[in-house]
Amino acid sequence: MNLKAFASVSLFAVFSFGAIAAQAATTAMNDASVMQYRYGDHLDVKKVLSVQDDQGNTCGLVNTRMDYLDSKGQHQRVEYRSYATGGCHDN
């Protein structure tokens, strides 16, 4: 592979990763009162009230929001990524 082809492939890869990150950021449920879950975060969940996602008929990662009560009875919200399988199979 020559230098020009390698540079083109590298530039395409960088833009692709940037586009994926931008798409993920813009499709978030965008609510300031929602905690963004990070792997390893401790959640104090006593009762789950609801789980909502924006999957529709998709296959892959989607944004999911869980409303719950903590051990003190306070209403909390957390957003995380989950894997949707609704559109993974042809019917």
N, C-alpha and C. Protein backbone atom coordinates (compact mmCIF):
# COMPACT_ATOMS: atom_id res chain seq x y z
N MET A 1 0.85 -1.16 0.00
CA MET A 1 0.00 0.00 0.00
C MET A 1 0.90 1.23 0.00
N ASN A 2 0.62 2.15 -0.89
CA ASN A 2 1.46 3.34 -0.95
C ASN A 2 1.01 4.37 0.08
N LEU A 3 1.81 5.40 0.24
CA LEU A 3 1.57 6.41 1.27
C LEU A 3 0.25 7.15 1.06
N LYS A 4 -0.09 7.45 -0.18
CA LYS A 4 -1.33 8.18 -0.46
C LYS A 4 -2.55 7.34 -0.07
N ALA A 5 -2.55 6.08 -0.40
CA ALA A 5 -3.67 5.21 -0.05
C ALA A 5 -3.77 5.04 1.46
N PHE A 6 -2.63 4.87 2.11
CA PHE A 6 -2.63 4.73 3.57
C PHE A 6 -3.17 5.99 4.24
N ALA A 7 -2.77 7.16 3.76
CA ALA A 7 -3.25 8.41 4.33
C ALA A 7 -4.76 8.55 4.12
N SER A 8 -5.25 8.16 2.96
CA SER A 8 -6.69 8.23 2.68
C SER A 8 -7.48 7.32 3.60
N VAL A 9 -7.00 6.10 3.78
CA VAL A 9 -7.68 5.15 4.65
C VAL A 9 -7.66 5.65 6.09
N SER A 10 -6.55 6.17 6.54
CA SER A 10 -6.45 6.69 7.91
C SER A 10 -7.39 7.86 8.13
N LEU A 11 -7.45 8.78 7.17
CA LEU A 11 -8.34 9.93 7.28
C LEU A 11 -9.80 9.48 7.31
N PHE A 12 -10.15 8.53 6.47
CA PHE A 12 -11.51 8.01 6.46
C PHE A 12 -11.86 7.38 7.81
N ALA A 13 -10.95 6.63 8.39
CA ALA A 13 -11.20 5.99 9.68
C ALA A 13 -11.42 7.03 10.77
N VAL A 14 -10.61 8.09 10.79
CA VAL A 14 -10.75 9.14 11.80
C VAL A 14 -12.10 9.82 11.67
N PHE A 15 -12.52 10.15 10.45
CA PHE A 15 -13.81 10.79 10.24
C PHE A 15 -14.97 9.85 10.60
N SER A 16 -14.81 8.58 10.33
CA SER A 16 -15.86 7.61 10.67
C SER A 16 -16.08 7.53 12.17
N PHE A 17 -14.99 7.45 12.94
CA PHE A 17 -15.12 7.41 14.38
C PHE A 17 -15.71 8.70 14.92
N GLY A 18 -15.34 9.82 14.34
CA GLY A 18 -15.91 11.10 14.75
C GLY A 18 -17.39 11.18 14.47
N ALA A 19 -17.82 10.66 13.33
CA ALA A 19 -19.23 10.66 12.98
C ALA A 19 -20.04 9.78 13.92
N ILE A 20 -19.49 8.64 14.28
CA ILE A 20 -20.17 7.74 15.21
C ILE A 20 -20.33 8.40 16.57
N ALA A 21 -19.29 9.05 17.05
CA ALA A 21 -19.35 9.73 18.34
C ALA A 21 -20.36 10.89 18.30
N ALA A 22 -20.37 11.64 17.22
CA ALA A 22 -21.31 12.75 17.10
C ALA A 22 -22.74 12.25 17.05
N GLN A 23 -22.99 11.16 16.34
CA GLN A 23 -24.32 10.60 16.25
C GLN A 23 -24.79 10.11 17.61
N ALA A 24 -23.93 9.48 18.36
CA ALA A 24 -24.28 8.99 19.69
C ALA A 24 -24.60 10.16 20.61
N ALA A 25 -23.86 11.25 20.49
CA ALA A 25 -24.09 12.41 21.35
C ALA A 25 -25.40 13.11 21.02
N THR A 26 -25.77 13.17 19.74
CA THR A 26 -26.99 13.87 19.36
C THR A 26 -28.23 13.04 19.58
N THR A 27 -28.10 11.71 19.66
CA THR A 27 -29.29 10.89 19.86
C THR A 27 -29.57 10.62 21.33
N ALA A 28 -28.80 11.21 22.23
CA ALA A 28 -29.06 11.02 23.65
C ALA A 28 -30.41 11.63 24.00
N MET A 29 -31.00 11.18 25.07
CA MET A 29 -32.33 11.65 25.44
C MET A 29 -32.29 13.07 25.98
N ASN A 30 -31.10 13.61 26.23
CA ASN A 30 -30.89 15.02 26.54
C ASN A 30 -31.80 15.56 27.65
N ASP A 31 -31.55 15.17 28.86
CA ASP A 31 -32.25 15.68 30.02
C ASP A 31 -31.22 15.90 31.11
N ALA A 32 -31.14 17.12 31.60
CA ALA A 32 -30.09 17.47 32.58
C ALA A 32 -30.25 16.72 33.90
N SER A 33 -31.45 16.27 34.23
CA SER A 33 -31.67 15.59 35.50
C SER A 33 -31.33 14.10 35.43
N VAL A 34 -30.87 13.64 34.29
CA VAL A 34 -30.57 12.22 34.11
C VAL A 34 -29.09 11.97 34.31
N MET A 35 -28.76 11.01 35.18
CA MET A 35 -27.37 10.62 35.39
C MET A 35 -26.92 9.75 34.23
N GLN A 36 -25.75 10.02 33.68
CA GLN A 36 -25.18 9.19 32.63
C GLN A 36 -24.40 8.06 33.29
N TYR A 37 -24.87 6.83 33.14
CA TYR A 37 -24.22 5.69 33.77
C TYR A 37 -22.88 5.40 33.11
N ARG A 38 -21.88 5.14 33.91
CA ARG A 38 -20.56 4.70 33.46
C ARG A 38 -20.29 3.35 34.10
N TYR A 39 -19.65 2.48 33.39
CA TYR A 39 -19.37 1.14 33.90
C TYR A 39 -18.70 1.23 35.26
N GLY A 40 -19.24 0.52 36.23
CA GLY A 40 -18.69 0.51 37.57
C GLY A 40 -19.39 1.46 38.52
N ASP A 41 -20.26 2.35 38.02
CA ASP A 41 -21.01 3.25 38.90
C ASP A 41 -21.92 2.44 39.81
N HIS A 42 -22.04 2.86 41.06
CA HIS A 42 -22.94 2.21 42.00
C HIS A 42 -24.31 2.86 41.89
N LEU A 43 -25.34 2.05 41.69
CA LEU A 43 -26.71 2.54 41.66
C LEU A 43 -27.45 2.03 42.89
N ASP A 44 -28.12 2.92 43.57
CA ASP A 44 -28.90 2.59 44.76
C ASP A 44 -30.35 2.41 44.32
N VAL A 45 -30.69 1.24 43.81
CA VAL A 45 -32.02 0.99 43.25
C VAL A 45 -32.82 0.14 44.22
N LYS A 46 -33.94 0.71 44.70
CA LYS A 46 -34.85 -0.05 45.54
C LYS A 46 -36.01 -0.58 44.70
N LYS A 47 -36.53 0.26 43.77
CA LYS A 47 -37.66 -0.14 42.94
C LYS A 47 -37.55 0.52 41.57
N VAL A 48 -37.62 -0.28 40.51
CA VAL A 48 -37.61 0.24 39.15
C VAL A 48 -39.02 0.68 38.79
N LEU A 49 -39.16 1.93 38.34
CA LEU A 49 -40.46 2.47 37.96
C LEU A 49 -40.74 2.28 36.48
N SER A 50 -39.74 2.53 35.64
CA SER A 50 -39.93 2.34 34.20
C SER A 50 -38.58 2.25 33.50
N VAL A 51 -38.59 1.63 32.34
CA VAL A 51 -37.42 1.55 31.47
C VAL A 51 -37.91 1.92 30.07
N GLN A 52 -37.28 2.94 29.50
CA GLN A 52 -37.65 3.41 28.16
C GLN A 52 -36.41 3.40 27.28
N ASP A 53 -36.60 3.07 26.01
CA ASP A 53 -35.48 3.18 25.07
C ASP A 53 -35.98 3.73 23.76
N ASP A 54 -35.04 4.13 22.92
CA ASP A 54 -35.38 4.70 21.62
C ASP A 54 -35.03 3.73 20.50
N GLN A 55 -35.27 2.44 20.75
CA GLN A 55 -34.83 1.44 19.78
C GLN A 55 -35.73 1.33 18.57
N GLY A 56 -37.02 1.43 18.68
CA GLY A 56 -37.88 1.24 17.53
C GLY A 56 -37.64 -0.13 16.92
N ASN A 57 -37.30 -0.16 15.66
CA ASN A 57 -37.03 -1.41 14.96
C ASN A 57 -35.58 -1.41 14.50
N THR A 58 -34.65 -1.30 15.45
CA THR A 58 -33.24 -1.23 15.13
C THR A 58 -32.49 -2.43 15.67
N CYS A 59 -31.28 -2.54 15.22
CA CYS A 59 -30.38 -3.60 15.68
C CYS A 59 -29.06 -2.94 16.02
N GLY A 60 -28.71 -2.90 17.30
CA GLY A 60 -27.47 -2.29 17.72
C GLY A 60 -27.66 -1.48 18.98
N LEU A 61 -26.70 -0.62 19.27
CA LEU A 61 -26.72 0.18 20.50
C LEU A 61 -27.76 1.29 20.42
N VAL A 62 -28.52 1.43 21.50
CA VAL A 62 -29.52 2.49 21.62
C VAL A 62 -29.42 3.11 23.01
N ASN A 63 -29.99 4.29 23.17
CA ASN A 63 -30.05 4.95 24.47
C ASN A 63 -31.23 4.39 25.26
N THR A 64 -31.01 4.11 26.53
CA THR A 64 -32.05 3.59 27.40
C THR A 64 -32.07 4.40 28.68
N ARG A 65 -33.27 4.69 29.18
CA ARG A 65 -33.42 5.46 30.42
C ARG A 65 -34.23 4.64 31.41
N MET A 66 -33.74 4.59 32.64
CA MET A 66 -34.44 3.89 33.71
C MET A 66 -34.80 4.90 34.80
N ASP A 67 -36.08 4.93 35.16
CA ASP A 67 -36.56 5.71 36.30
C ASP A 67 -36.72 4.75 37.47
N TYR A 68 -36.23 5.16 38.64
CA TYR A 68 -36.29 4.27 39.80
C TYR A 68 -36.34 5.06 41.09
N LEU A 69 -36.67 4.35 42.16
CA LEU A 69 -36.62 4.92 43.51
C LEU A 69 -35.39 4.37 44.20
N ASP A 70 -34.66 5.26 44.89
CA ASP A 70 -33.49 4.80 45.65
C ASP A 70 -33.93 4.36 47.04
N SER A 71 -33.00 3.95 47.88
CA SER A 71 -33.33 3.42 49.20
C SER A 71 -33.95 4.48 50.12
N LYS A 72 -33.83 5.77 49.77
CA LYS A 72 -34.43 6.85 50.56
C LYS A 72 -35.79 7.26 50.01
N GLY A 73 -36.24 6.59 48.93
CA GLY A 73 -37.52 6.91 48.33
C GLY A 73 -37.47 8.05 47.33
N GLN A 74 -36.27 8.53 46.99
CA GLN A 74 -36.09 9.62 46.04
C GLN A 74 -36.16 9.10 44.61
N HIS A 75 -36.87 9.85 43.75
CA HIS A 75 -36.97 9.48 42.34
C HIS A 75 -35.65 9.81 41.64
N GLN A 76 -35.10 8.83 40.93
CA GLN A 76 -33.83 9.00 40.22
C GLN A 76 -34.00 8.55 38.77
N ARG A 77 -33.14 9.07 37.90
CA ARG A 77 -33.11 8.66 36.50
C ARG A 77 -31.67 8.39 36.10
N VAL A 78 -31.50 7.33 35.31
CA VAL A 78 -30.17 7.02 34.80
C VAL A 78 -30.32 6.66 33.32
N GLU A 79 -29.37 7.10 32.53
CA GLU A 79 -29.35 6.79 31.10
C GLU A 79 -28.12 5.96 30.80
N TYR A 80 -28.28 4.98 29.95
CA TYR A 80 -27.18 4.10 29.58
C TYR A 80 -27.42 3.56 28.18
N ARG A 81 -26.43 2.91 27.63
CA ARG A 81 -26.54 2.31 26.31
C ARG A 81 -26.88 0.83 26.47
N SER A 82 -27.80 0.35 25.66
CA SER A 82 -28.15 -1.07 25.66
C SER A 82 -28.21 -1.54 24.21
N TYR A 83 -28.30 -2.85 24.04
CA TYR A 83 -28.29 -3.42 22.70
C TYR A 83 -29.70 -3.82 22.30
N ALA A 84 -30.20 -3.23 21.23
CA ALA A 84 -31.54 -3.54 20.73
C ALA A 84 -31.45 -4.65 19.70
N THR A 85 -32.39 -5.57 19.76
CA THR A 85 -32.39 -6.70 18.82
C THR A 85 -33.66 -6.74 17.97
N GLY A 86 -34.52 -5.72 18.09
CA GLY A 86 -35.79 -5.73 17.37
C GLY A 86 -35.65 -5.80 15.86
N GLY A 87 -34.61 -5.21 15.29
CA GLY A 87 -34.45 -5.20 13.85
C GLY A 87 -33.33 -6.10 13.36
N CYS A 88 -32.89 -7.02 14.20
CA CYS A 88 -31.74 -7.87 13.84
C CYS A 88 -32.12 -9.04 12.94
N HIS A 89 -33.40 -9.38 12.88
CA HIS A 89 -33.79 -10.57 12.13
C HIS A 89 -34.84 -10.20 11.10
N ASP A 90 -34.76 -10.80 9.93
CA ASP A 90 -35.78 -10.61 8.90
C ASP A 90 -36.96 -11.51 9.23
N ASN A 91 -38.15 -10.98 9.00
CA ASN A 91 -39.36 -11.78 9.26
C ASN A 91 -39.87 -12.41 8.00
